[in-house]
Amino acid sequence: LAMEAVPLLLLLLLLLLSSPLAPAPANGLLSPKGVNYEVQALMTIKNYLKDPHGVLKNWDQDSVDPCSWTMVTCSQENLVTGLEAPSQNLSGLLSPSIGNLTNLEIVLLQNNNINGRIPAEIGRLTKLRTLDLSSNHFSGEIPGSVSRLRDLQYLRLNNNTLSGAFPSSSANLSHLVFLDLSYNNLSGPVPGSLARTFNIVGNPLICGAATEQDCYGTLPMPMSYSLNNTQGTVLPAKSKSHKAAIAFGSTIGCISILFLLTGLLFWWRHRKNRQILFDVDGK
């Protein structure tokens, strides 16, 4: 009886290992004490912010991973790829610990009341494609580290109180197609070839009345940018048909393994029964 249970245990083990419903944890983000670095970074961001409506209340420092938290999106590998909290009445400061979320691809914090400087650590987010900090109260200069965001496609810093010149090294942002720096206190030239669509109007030291026609790119800038449009255009998601194909393939794979193991089980039992009959006849 014990020998007959072995194939059944083997079957159960293989089915569990082949199941697509339980993604493996991102062990590479755990410290030797089992602390998730992304959880630590997000909790520091939360502590720097003021959240009058409690939209971040389910952010828990004791969590193993933050992928079930509001305003946070993750990849299939349980890595934080999105921080999306637009129009949530958040205030306070943006913590430099945002630079520790090195898998971020999208940051949407527009239409809040966040103040202080844009942390230079944001330049560590080398996978970032979308950054929208518009309509807040950010001040100071745009950090030069922005020039390291080589994959950046969409940058919106308009309607703040930023000053100084736009970093000249940002001319290296070859993938940038959308730039809005309007209504700040910026000075100095902004490379006209930096983005196909740009808006720098509302910066008196750059755009005087006589030169306002040079303050727009070749395409009209939208007054707002849809969250769905951002995810669909800047960060293309897998289509529903592609996801369905993956799910169908996984199901077929599991069924095939089940049939294979069932066949092996019947073969093994048939062989054992023949051996028992042979032993009886031999006696």
C-alpha atoms as a PDB file:
ATOM      1  CA  LEU A   1       0.000   0.000   0.000  1.00  0.00           C
ATOM      2  CA  ALA A   2       2.865   2.356   0.821  1.00  0.00           C
ATOM      3  CA  MET A   3       4.453   1.694  -2.568  1.00  0.00           C
ATOM      4  CA  GLU A   4       1.163   2.461  -4.340  1.00  0.00           C
ATOM      5  CA  ALA A   5       0.975   5.871  -2.623  1.00  0.00           C
ATOM      6  CA  VAL A   6       4.344   6.974  -4.071  1.00  0.00           C
ATOM      7  CA  PRO A   7       3.082   7.734  -7.618  1.00  0.00           C
ATOM      8  CA  LEU A   8       0.101   9.620  -6.212  1.00  0.00           C
ATOM      9  CA  LEU A   9       2.366  11.808  -4.099  1.00  0.00           C
ATOM     10  CA  LEU A  10       4.604  12.347  -7.117  1.00  0.00           C
ATOM     11  CA  LEU A  11       1.577  13.360  -9.198  1.00  0.00           C
ATOM     12  CA  LEU A  12       0.437  15.879  -6.576  1.00  0.00           C
ATOM     13  CA  LEU A  13       3.920  17.369  -6.301  1.00  0.00           C
ATOM     14  CA  LEU A  14       4.279  17.846 -10.063  1.00  0.00           C
ATOM     15  CA  LEU A  15       0.848  19.466 -10.334  1.00  0.00           C
ATOM     16  CA  LEU A  16       1.717  21.940  -7.588  1.00  0.00           C
ATOM     17  CA  LEU A  17       5.055  22.802  -9.221  1.00  0.00           C
ATOM     18  CA  SER A  18       3.451  23.302 -12.646  1.00  0.00           C
ATOM     19  CA  SER A  19       0.568  25.482 -11.392  1.00  0.00           C
ATOM     20  CA  PRO A  20       0.676  29.045 -12.841  1.00  0.00           C
ATOM     21  CA  LEU A  21      -1.479  30.403 -10.012  1.00  0.00           C
ATOM     22  CA  ALA A  22       1.282  30.727  -7.429  1.00  0.00           C
ATOM     23  CA  PRO A  23       4.087  33.041  -8.607  1.00  0.00           C
ATOM     24  CA  ALA A  24       7.415  32.561  -6.957  1.00  0.00           C
ATOM     25  CA  PRO A  25       8.377  35.211  -4.396  1.00  0.00           C
ATOM     26  CA  ALA A  26      10.978  37.769  -5.328  1.00  0.00           C
ATOM     27  CA  ASN A  27      13.610  36.328  -2.996  1.00  0.00           C
ATOM     28  CA  GLY A  28      16.265  38.605  -4.485  1.00  0.00           C
ATOM     29  CA  LEU A  29      14.612  41.548  -2.681  1.00  0.00           C
ATOM     30  CA  LEU A  30      14.827  39.970   0.757  1.00  0.00           C
ATOM     31  CA  SER A  31      17.558  40.829   3.213  1.00  0.00           C
ATOM     32  CA  PRO A  32      19.188  38.070   5.325  1.00  0.00           C
ATOM     33  CA  LYS A  33      16.566  38.902   7.973  1.00  0.00           C
ATOM     34  CA  GLY A  34      13.724  38.387   5.487  1.00  0.00           C
ATOM     35  CA  VAL A  35      12.879  42.085   5.065  1.00  0.00           C
ATOM     36  CA  ASN A  36      11.611  43.169   1.636  1.00  0.00           C
ATOM     37  CA  TYR A  37      13.569  46.215   0.424  1.00  0.00           C
ATOM     38  CA  GLU A  38      10.633  47.490  -1.629  1.00  0.00           C
ATOM     39  CA  VAL A  39       8.349  47.330   1.417  1.00  0.00           C
ATOM     40  CA  GLN A  40      10.899  49.403   3.340  1.00  0.00           C
ATOM     41  CA  ALA A  41      11.142  51.982   0.541  1.00  0.00           C
ATOM     42  CA  LEU A  42       7.379  52.346   0.199  1.00  0.00           C
ATOM     43  CA  MET A  43       6.871  52.659   3.945  1.00  0.00           C
ATOM     44  CA  THR A  44       9.438  55.466   4.035  1.00  0.00           C
ATOM     45  CA  ILE A  45       7.591  57.186   1.168  1.00  0.00           C
ATOM     46  CA  LYS A  46       4.354  56.849   3.155  1.00  0.00           C
ATOM     47  CA  ASN A  47       5.967  58.306   6.291  1.00  0.00           C
ATOM     48  CA  TYR A  48       7.166  61.375   4.359  1.00  0.00           C
ATOM     49  CA  LEU A  49       3.665  62.027   2.999  1.00  0.00           C
ATOM     50  CA  LYS A  50       0.540  63.332   4.701  1.00  0.00           C
ATOM     51  CA  ASP A  51      -2.505  61.252   3.781  1.00  0.00           C
ATOM     52  CA  PRO A  52      -5.670  62.972   5.045  1.00  0.00           C
ATOM     53  CA  HIS A  53      -8.065  60.457   3.481  1.00  0.00           C
ATOM     54  CA  GLY A  54      -6.146  57.310   4.410  1.00  0.00           C
ATOM     55  CA  VAL A  55      -5.704  56.081   0.846  1.00  0.00           C
ATOM     56  CA  LEU A  56      -2.445  54.422   1.893  1.00  0.00           C
ATOM     57  CA  LYS A  57      -3.831  52.854   5.074  1.00  0.00           C
ATOM     58  CA  ASN A  58      -3.319  49.262   3.907  1.00  0.00           C
ATOM     59  CA  TRP A  59       0.411  49.835   3.438  1.00  0.00           C
ATOM     60  CA  ASP A  60       1.800  47.560   6.147  1.00  0.00           C
ATOM     61  CA  GLN A  61       5.452  47.442   7.175  1.00  0.00           C
ATOM     62  CA  ASP A  62       5.033  43.791   8.225  1.00  0.00           C
ATOM     63  CA  SER A  63       3.992  42.673   4.723  1.00  0.00           C
ATOM     64  CA  VAL A  64       6.114  40.131   2.895  1.00  0.00           C
ATOM     65  CA  ASP A  65       5.507  42.007  -0.360  1.00  0.00           C
ATOM     66  CA  PRO A  66       3.497  45.140  -1.287  1.00  0.00           C
ATOM     67  CA  CYS A  67       1.737  43.845  -4.391  1.00  0.00           C
ATOM     68  CA  SER A  68      -1.714  43.886  -2.773  1.00  0.00           C
ATOM     69  CA  TRP A  69      -1.387  47.486  -1.613  1.00  0.00           C
ATOM     70  CA  THR A  70      -3.497  50.280  -3.077  1.00  0.00           C
ATOM     71  CA  MET A  71      -1.719  52.596  -5.525  1.00  0.00           C
ATOM     72  CA  VAL A  72       0.955  49.950  -6.142  1.00  0.00           C
ATOM     73  CA  THR A  73       1.261  47.699  -9.192  1.00  0.00           C
ATOM     74  CA  CYS A  74       3.638  44.782  -9.608  1.00  0.00           C
ATOM     75  CA  SER A  75       5.079  42.582 -12.306  1.00  0.00           C
ATOM     76  CA  GLN A  76       4.475  38.833 -12.509  1.00  0.00           C
ATOM     77  CA  GLU A  77       7.702  38.442 -10.530  1.00  0.00           C
ATOM     78  CA  ASN A  78       6.219  40.465  -7.614  1.00  0.00           C
ATOM     79  CA  LEU A  79       8.452  43.470  -8.310  1.00  0.00           C
ATOM     80  CA  VAL A  80       7.004  46.958  -7.842  1.00  0.00           C
ATOM     81  CA  THR A  81       6.664  48.540 -11.292  1.00  0.00           C
ATOM     82  CA  GLY A  82       4.077  51.252 -10.646  1.00  0.00           C
ATOM     83  CA  LEU A  83       3.363  53.914  -8.023  1.00  0.00           C
ATOM     84  CA  GLU A  84       0.080  55.513  -9.077  1.00  0.00           C
ATOM     85  CA  ALA A  85      -1.625  57.925  -6.665  1.00  0.00           C
ATOM     86  CA  PRO A  86      -2.950  60.872  -8.695  1.00  0.00           C
ATOM     87  CA  SER A  87      -5.475  63.305  -7.188  1.00  0.00           C
ATOM     88  CA  GLN A  88      -5.418  61.837  -3.670  1.00  0.00           C
ATOM     89  CA  ASN A  89      -4.865  65.077  -1.684  1.00  0.00           C
ATOM     90  CA  LEU A  90      -1.446  63.853  -0.606  1.00  0.00           C
ATOM     91  CA  SER A  91       0.920  66.459   0.813  1.00  0.00           C
ATOM     92  CA  GLY A  92       4.285  66.445   2.562  1.00  0.00           C
ATOM     93  CA  LEU A  93       7.521  65.468   0.831  1.00  0.00           C
ATOM     94  CA  LEU A  94       8.581  62.902  -1.738  1.00  0.00           C
ATOM     95  CA  SER A  95      11.106  60.693   0.026  1.00  0.00           C
ATOM     96  CA  PRO A  96      14.535  60.025  -1.535  1.00  0.00           C
ATOM     97  CA  SER A  97      13.830  56.335  -0.848  1.00  0.00           C
ATOM     98  CA  ILE A  98      11.831  56.295  -4.082  1.00  0.00           C
ATOM     99  CA  GLY A  99      15.233  55.683  -5.668  1.00  0.00           C
ATOM    100  CA  ASN A 100      15.295  52.231  -4.048  1.00  0.00           C
ATOM    101  CA  LEU A 101      12.305  51.099  -6.132  1.00  0.00           C
ATOM    102  CA  THR A 102      14.602  50.397  -9.056  1.00  0.00           C
ATOM    103  CA  ASN A 103      12.003  48.371 -10.983  1.00  0.00           C
ATOM    104  CA  LEU A 104       9.582  51.280 -11.297  1.00  0.00           C
ATOM    105  CA  GLU A 105       8.325  51.940 -14.814  1.00  0.00           C
ATOM    106  CA  ILE A 106       5.552  54.409 -14.027  1.00  0.00           C
ATOM    107  CA  VAL A 107       5.152  57.107 -11.347  1.00  0.00           C
ATOM    108  CA  LEU A 108       1.901  59.088 -11.315  1.00  0.00           C
ATOM    109  CA  LEU A 109       1.625  61.579  -8.442  1.00  0.00           C
ATOM    110  CA  GLN A 110      -0.028  64.455 -10.280  1.00  0.00           C
ATOM    111  CA  ASN A 111      -2.735  66.718  -8.826  1.00  0.00           C
ATOM    112  CA  ASN A 112      -1.640  66.466  -5.200  1.00  0.00           C
ATOM    113  CA  ASN A 113      -0.094  68.969  -2.775  1.00  0.00           C
ATOM    114  CA  ILE A 114       3.398  67.485  -2.447  1.00  0.00           C
ATOM    115  CA  ASN A 115       6.100  70.104  -1.836  1.00  0.00           C
ATOM    116  CA  GLY A 116       9.858  70.308  -1.411  1.00  0.00           C
ATOM    117  CA  ARG A 117      12.458  69.276  -3.947  1.00  0.00           C
ATOM    118  CA  ILE A 118      12.305  66.489  -6.475  1.00  0.00           C
ATOM    119  CA  PRO A 119      14.780  64.001  -4.967  1.00  0.00           C
ATOM    120  CA  ALA A 120      17.942  63.457  -7.010  1.00  0.00           C
ATOM    121  CA  GLU A 121      17.616  59.741  -6.223  1.00  0.00           C
ATOM    122  CA  ILE A 122      14.897  59.566  -8.866  1.00  0.00           C
ATOM    123  CA  GLY A 123      17.747  59.223 -11.347  1.00  0.00           C
ATOM    124  CA  ARG A 124      18.267  55.661 -10.099  1.00  0.00           C
ATOM    125  CA  LEU A 125      14.968  54.577 -11.686  1.00  0.00           C
ATOM    126  CA  THR A 126      16.581  53.584 -14.964  1.00  0.00           C
ATOM    127  CA  LYS A 127      13.535  51.556 -16.078  1.00  0.00           C
ATOM    128  CA  LEU A 128      11.190  54.513 -15.693  1.00  0.00           C
ATOM    129  CA  ARG A 129       9.091  55.318 -18.749  1.00  0.00           C
ATOM    130  CA  THR A 130       6.441  57.628 -17.319  1.00  0.00           C
ATOM    131  CA  LEU A 131       6.965  60.335 -14.680  1.00  0.00           C
ATOM    132  CA  ASP A 132       4.130  62.735 -13.844  1.00  0.00           C
ATOM    133  CA  LEU A 133       4.642  65.091 -10.894  1.00  0.00           C
ATOM    134  CA  SER A 134       2.517  67.892 -12.345  1.00  0.00           C
ATOM    135  CA  SER A 135       0.175  70.163 -10.373  1.00  0.00           C
ATOM    136  CA  ASN A 136       1.947  69.893  -7.032  1.00  0.00           C
ATOM    137  CA  HIS A 137       4.142  72.368  -5.121  1.00  0.00           C
ATOM    138  CA  PHE A 138       7.608  71.067  -5.986  1.00  0.00           C
ATOM    139  CA  SER A 139      10.295  73.739  -5.803  1.00  0.00           C
ATOM    140  CA  GLY A 140      14.014  74.075  -6.453  1.00  0.00           C
ATOM    141  CA  GLU A 141      15.834  72.870  -9.536  1.00  0.00           C
ATOM    142  CA  ILE A 142      15.055  69.881 -11.697  1.00  0.00           C
ATOM    143  CA  PRO A 143      17.711  67.362 -10.606  1.00  0.00           C
ATOM    144  CA  GLY A 144      20.399  66.668 -13.189  1.00  0.00           C
ATOM    145  CA  SER A 145      20.005  62.964 -12.459  1.00  0.00           C
ATOM    146  CA  VAL A 146      16.872  63.023 -14.650  1.00  0.00           C
ATOM    147  CA  SER A 147      19.265  62.702 -17.589  1.00  0.00           C
ATOM    148  CA  ARG A 148      19.979  59.099 -16.522  1.00  0.00           C
ATOM    149  CA  LEU A 149      16.403  58.040 -17.261  1.00  0.00           C
ATOM    150  CA  ARG A 150      17.270  56.823 -20.746  1.00  0.00           C
ATOM    151  CA  ASP A 151      13.977  54.900 -21.199  1.00  0.00           C
ATOM    152  CA  LEU A 152      11.817  57.874 -20.219  1.00  0.00           C
ATOM    153  CA  GLN A 153       9.063  58.572 -22.746  1.00  0.00           C
ATOM    154  CA  TYR A 154       6.664  60.811 -20.859  1.00  0.00           C
ATOM    155  CA  LEU A 155       7.724  63.585 -18.462  1.00  0.00           C
ATOM    156  CA  ARG A 156       5.340  66.055 -16.895  1.00  0.00           C
ATOM    157  CA  LEU A 157       6.494  68.594 -14.293  1.00  0.00           C
ATOM    158  CA  ASN A 158       4.140  71.445 -15.153  1.00  0.00           C
ATOM    159  CA  ASN A 159       2.281  73.633 -12.642  1.00  0.00           C
ATOM    160  CA  ASN A 160       4.862  73.589  -9.879  1.00  0.00           C
ATOM    161  CA  THR A 161       7.315  76.273  -8.692  1.00  0.00           C
ATOM    162  CA  LEU A 162      10.482  74.779 -10.138  1.00  0.00           C
ATOM    163  CA  SER A 163      13.354  77.153 -10.915  1.00  0.00           C
ATOM    164  CA  GLY A 164      16.721  77.100 -12.637  1.00  0.00           C
ATOM    165  CA  ALA A 165      17.525  75.689 -16.051  1.00  0.00           C
ATOM    166  CA  PHE A 166      16.394  72.373 -17.416  1.00  0.00           C
ATOM    167  CA  PRO A 167      19.479  70.069 -17.178  1.00  0.00           C
ATOM    168  CA  SER A 168      21.425  70.332 -20.441  1.00  0.00           C
ATOM    169  CA  SER A 169      22.531  66.700 -20.051  1.00  0.00           C
ATOM    170  CA  SER A 170      18.887  65.701 -20.505  1.00  0.00           C
ATOM    171  CA  ALA A 171      19.427  66.037 -24.238  1.00  0.00           C
ATOM    172  CA  ASN A 172      20.435  62.374 -23.959  1.00  0.00           C
ATOM    173  CA  LEU A 173      16.795  61.386 -23.354  1.00  0.00           C
ATOM    174  CA  SER A 174      16.415  60.018 -26.852  1.00  0.00           C
ATOM    175  CA  HIS A 175      13.139  58.155 -26.140  1.00  0.00           C
ATOM    176  CA  LEU A 176      11.319  61.172 -24.750  1.00  0.00           C
ATOM    177  CA  VAL A 177       8.252  62.004 -26.846  1.00  0.00           C
ATOM    178  CA  PHE A 178       6.174  64.032 -24.376  1.00  0.00           C
ATOM    179  CA  LEU A 179       7.458  66.891 -22.192  1.00  0.00           C
ATOM    180  CA  ASP A 180       5.512  69.496 -20.209  1.00  0.00           C
ATOM    181  CA  LEU A 181       7.421  72.025 -18.105  1.00  0.00           C
ATOM    182  CA  SER A 182       4.832  74.788 -18.357  1.00  0.00           C
ATOM    183  CA  TYR A 183       3.938  77.206 -15.571  1.00  0.00           C
ATOM    184  CA  ASN A 184       7.063  77.087 -13.459  1.00  0.00           C
ATOM    185  CA  ASN A 185       9.865  79.606 -12.889  1.00  0.00           C
ATOM    186  CA  LEU A 186      12.426  77.932 -15.138  1.00  0.00           C
ATOM    187  CA  SER A 187      15.133  79.814 -16.973  1.00  0.00           C
ATOM    188  CA  GLY A 188      17.694  79.098 -19.639  1.00  0.00           C
ATOM    189  CA  PRO A 189      17.233  77.226 -22.889  1.00  0.00           C
ATOM    190  CA  VAL A 190      15.356  73.961 -23.216  1.00  0.00           C
ATOM    191  CA  PRO A 191      16.630  71.851 -26.130  1.00  0.00           C
ATOM    192  CA  GLY A 192      13.979  72.089 -28.822  1.00  0.00           C
ATOM    193  CA  SER A 193      14.793  68.600 -30.068  1.00  0.00           C
ATOM    194  CA  LEU A 194      14.301  67.037 -26.630  1.00  0.00           C
ATOM    195  CA  ALA A 195      10.765  65.835 -27.369  1.00  0.00           C
ATOM    196  CA  ARG A 196       8.462  65.862 -30.361  1.00  0.00           C
ATOM    197  CA  THR A 197       5.695  67.290 -28.195  1.00  0.00           C
ATOM    198  CA  PHE A 198       6.614  69.838 -25.552  1.00  0.00           C
ATOM    199  CA  ASN A 199       5.194  72.805 -23.667  1.00  0.00           C
ATOM    200  CA  ILE A 200       7.278  75.379 -21.783  1.00  0.00           C
ATOM    201  CA  VAL A 201       4.801  78.256 -21.805  1.00  0.00           C
ATOM    202  CA  GLY A 202       4.237  80.047 -18.501  1.00  0.00           C
ATOM    203  CA  ASN A 203       7.961  80.357 -17.720  1.00  0.00           C
ATOM    204  CA  PRO A 204       8.507  84.132 -18.118  1.00  0.00           C
ATOM    205  CA  LEU A 205      12.299  83.852 -18.244  1.00  0.00           C
ATOM    206  CA  ILE A 206      12.059  81.471 -21.217  1.00  0.00           C
ATOM    207  CA  CYS A 207       8.834  82.380 -22.951  1.00  0.00           C
ATOM    208  CA  GLY A 208       8.260  86.094 -23.280  1.00  0.00           C
ATOM    209  CA  ALA A 209       5.290  87.405 -25.183  1.00  0.00           C
ATOM    210  CA  ALA A 210       7.380  87.790 -28.338  1.00  0.00           C
ATOM    211  CA  THR A 211       8.651  84.210 -28.339  1.00  0.00           C
ATOM    212  CA  GLU A 212       5.598  82.330 -27.139  1.00  0.00           C
ATOM    213  CA  GLN A 213       5.162  80.649 -30.507  1.00  0.00           C
ATOM    214  CA  ASP A 214       8.426  78.780 -29.818  1.00  0.00           C
ATOM    215  CA  CYS A 215       7.144  77.417 -26.524  1.00  0.00           C
ATOM    216  CA  TYR A 216       5.105  74.578 -27.975  1.00  0.00           C
ATOM    217  CA  GLY A 217       6.094  71.432 -29.806  1.00  0.00           C
ATOM    218  CA  THR A 218       4.741  70.267 -33.131  1.00  0.00           C
ATOM    219  CA  LEU A 219       1.681  68.595 -31.606  1.00  0.00           C
ATOM    220  CA  PRO A 220      -0.874  70.092 -29.180  1.00  0.00           C
ATOM    221  CA  MET A 221      -0.325  69.222 -25.532  1.00  0.00           C
ATOM    222  CA  PRO A 222      -3.355  67.751 -23.752  1.00  0.00           C
ATOM    223  CA  MET A 223      -4.412  69.484 -20.564  1.00  0.00           C
ATOM    224  CA  SER A 224      -4.599  66.120 -18.821  1.00  0.00           C
ATOM    225  CA  TYR A 225      -3.334  62.644 -19.504  1.00  0.00           C
ATOM    226  CA  SER A 226      -5.579  59.640 -19.010  1.00  0.00           C
ATOM    227  CA  LEU A 227      -4.291  56.959 -16.681  1.00  0.00           C
ATOM    228  CA  ASN A 228      -5.572  54.303 -19.073  1.00  0.00           C
ATOM    229  CA  ASN A 229      -3.873  56.091 -21.946  1.00  0.00           C
ATOM    230  CA  THR A 230      -0.616  56.132 -20.036  1.00  0.00           C
ATOM    231  CA  GLN A 231      -0.740  52.420 -19.378  1.00  0.00           C
ATOM    232  CA  GLY A 232      -1.870  51.646 -22.908  1.00  0.00           C
ATOM    233  CA  THR A 233       0.531  53.868 -24.841  1.00  0.00           C
ATOM    234  CA  VAL A 234       3.602  54.465 -22.762  1.00  0.00           C
ATOM    235  CA  LEU A 235       3.593  51.126 -21.000  1.00  0.00           C
ATOM    236  CA  PRO A 236       2.024  48.695 -23.425  1.00  0.00           C
ATOM    237  CA  ALA A 237       0.306  45.905 -21.544  1.00  0.00           C
ATOM    238  CA  LYS A 238      -0.171  42.386 -22.790  1.00  0.00           C
ATOM    239  CA  SER A 239      -3.364  42.074 -24.755  1.00  0.00           C
ATOM    240  CA  LYS A 240      -6.271  40.027 -23.425  1.00  0.00           C
ATOM    241  CA  SER A 241      -5.825  37.535 -26.234  1.00  0.00           C
ATOM    242  CA  HIS A 242      -2.190  37.049 -25.312  1.00  0.00           C
ATOM    243  CA  LYS A 243      -3.097  36.477 -21.676  1.00  0.00           C
ATOM    244  CA  ALA A 244      -5.809  34.039 -22.704  1.00  0.00           C
ATOM    245  CA  ALA A 245      -3.327  32.152 -24.859  1.00  0.00           C
ATOM    246  CA  ILE A 246      -0.921  31.873 -21.911  1.00  0.00           C
ATOM    247  CA  ALA A 247      -3.714  30.628 -19.627  1.00  0.00           C
ATOM    248  CA  PHE A 248      -4.884  28.121 -22.251  1.00  0.00           C
ATOM    249  CA  GLY A 249      -1.334  26.855 -22.811  1.00  0.00           C
ATOM    250  CA  SER A 250      -0.791  26.461 -19.063  1.00  0.00           C
ATOM    251  CA  THR A 251      -4.046  24.519 -18.716  1.00  0.00           C
ATOM    252  CA  ILE A 252      -3.189  22.208 -21.621  1.00  0.00           C
ATOM    253  CA  GLY A 253       0.258  21.659 -20.128  1.00  0.00           C
ATOM    254  CA  CYS A 254      -1.187  20.672 -16.760  1.00  0.00           C
ATOM    255  CA  ILE A 255      -3.724  18.332 -18.373  1.00  0.00           C
ATOM    256  CA  SER A 256      -0.970  16.714 -20.465  1.00  0.00           C
ATOM    257  CA  ILE A 257       1.145  16.127 -17.384  1.00  0.00           C
ATOM    258  CA  LEU A 258      -1.885  14.668 -15.598  1.00  0.00           C
ATOM    259  CA  PHE A 259      -2.591  12.224 -18.441  1.00  0.00           C
ATOM    260  CA  LEU A 260       1.082  11.245 -18.628  1.00  0.00           C
ATOM    261  CA  LEU A 261       1.327  10.563 -14.917  1.00  0.00           C
ATOM    262  CA  THR A 262      -1.991   8.666 -14.934  1.00  0.00           C
ATOM    263  CA  GLY A 263      -0.680   6.494 -17.753  1.00  0.00           C
ATOM    264  CA  LEU A 264       2.530   5.842 -15.833  1.00  0.00           C
ATOM    265  CA  LEU A 265       0.500   4.952 -12.756  1.00  0.00           C
ATOM    266  CA  PHE A 266      -1.617   2.411 -14.668  1.00  0.00           C
ATOM    267  CA  TRP A 267       1.505   0.941 -16.306  1.00  0.00           C
ATOM    268  CA  TRP A 268       3.254   0.633 -12.955  1.00  0.00           C
ATOM    269  CA  ARG A 269       0.238  -1.069 -11.324  1.00  0.00           C
ATOM    270  CA  HIS A 270      -0.235  -3.407 -14.309  1.00  0.00           C
ATOM    271  CA  ARG A 271       3.409  -4.390 -14.157  1.00  0.00           C
ATOM    272  CA  LYS A 272       3.197  -4.977 -10.398  1.00  0.00           C
ATOM    273  CA  ASN A 273       0.055  -7.132 -10.785  1.00  0.00           C
ATOM    274  CA  ARG A 274       1.791  -9.263 -13.444  1.00  0.00           C
ATOM    275  CA  GLN A 275       4.760  -9.720 -11.137  1.00  0.00           C
ATOM    276  CA  ILE A 276       2.436 -10.840  -8.307  1.00  0.00           C
ATOM    277  CA  LEU A 277       0.691 -13.353 -10.616  1.00  0.00           C
ATOM    278  CA  PHE A 278       4.052 -14.617 -11.826  1.00  0.00           C
ATOM    279  CA  ASP A 279       5.201 -15.128  -8.229  1.00  0.00           C
ATOM    280  CA  VAL A 280       1.972 -17.012  -7.388  1.00  0.00           C
ATOM    281  CA  ASP A 281       2.237 -19.238 -10.464  1.00  0.00           C
ATOM    282  CA  GLY A 282       5.876 -19.898  -9.696  1.00  0.00           C
ATOM    283  CA  LYS A 283       4.963 -21.255  -6.339  1.00  0.00           C
END
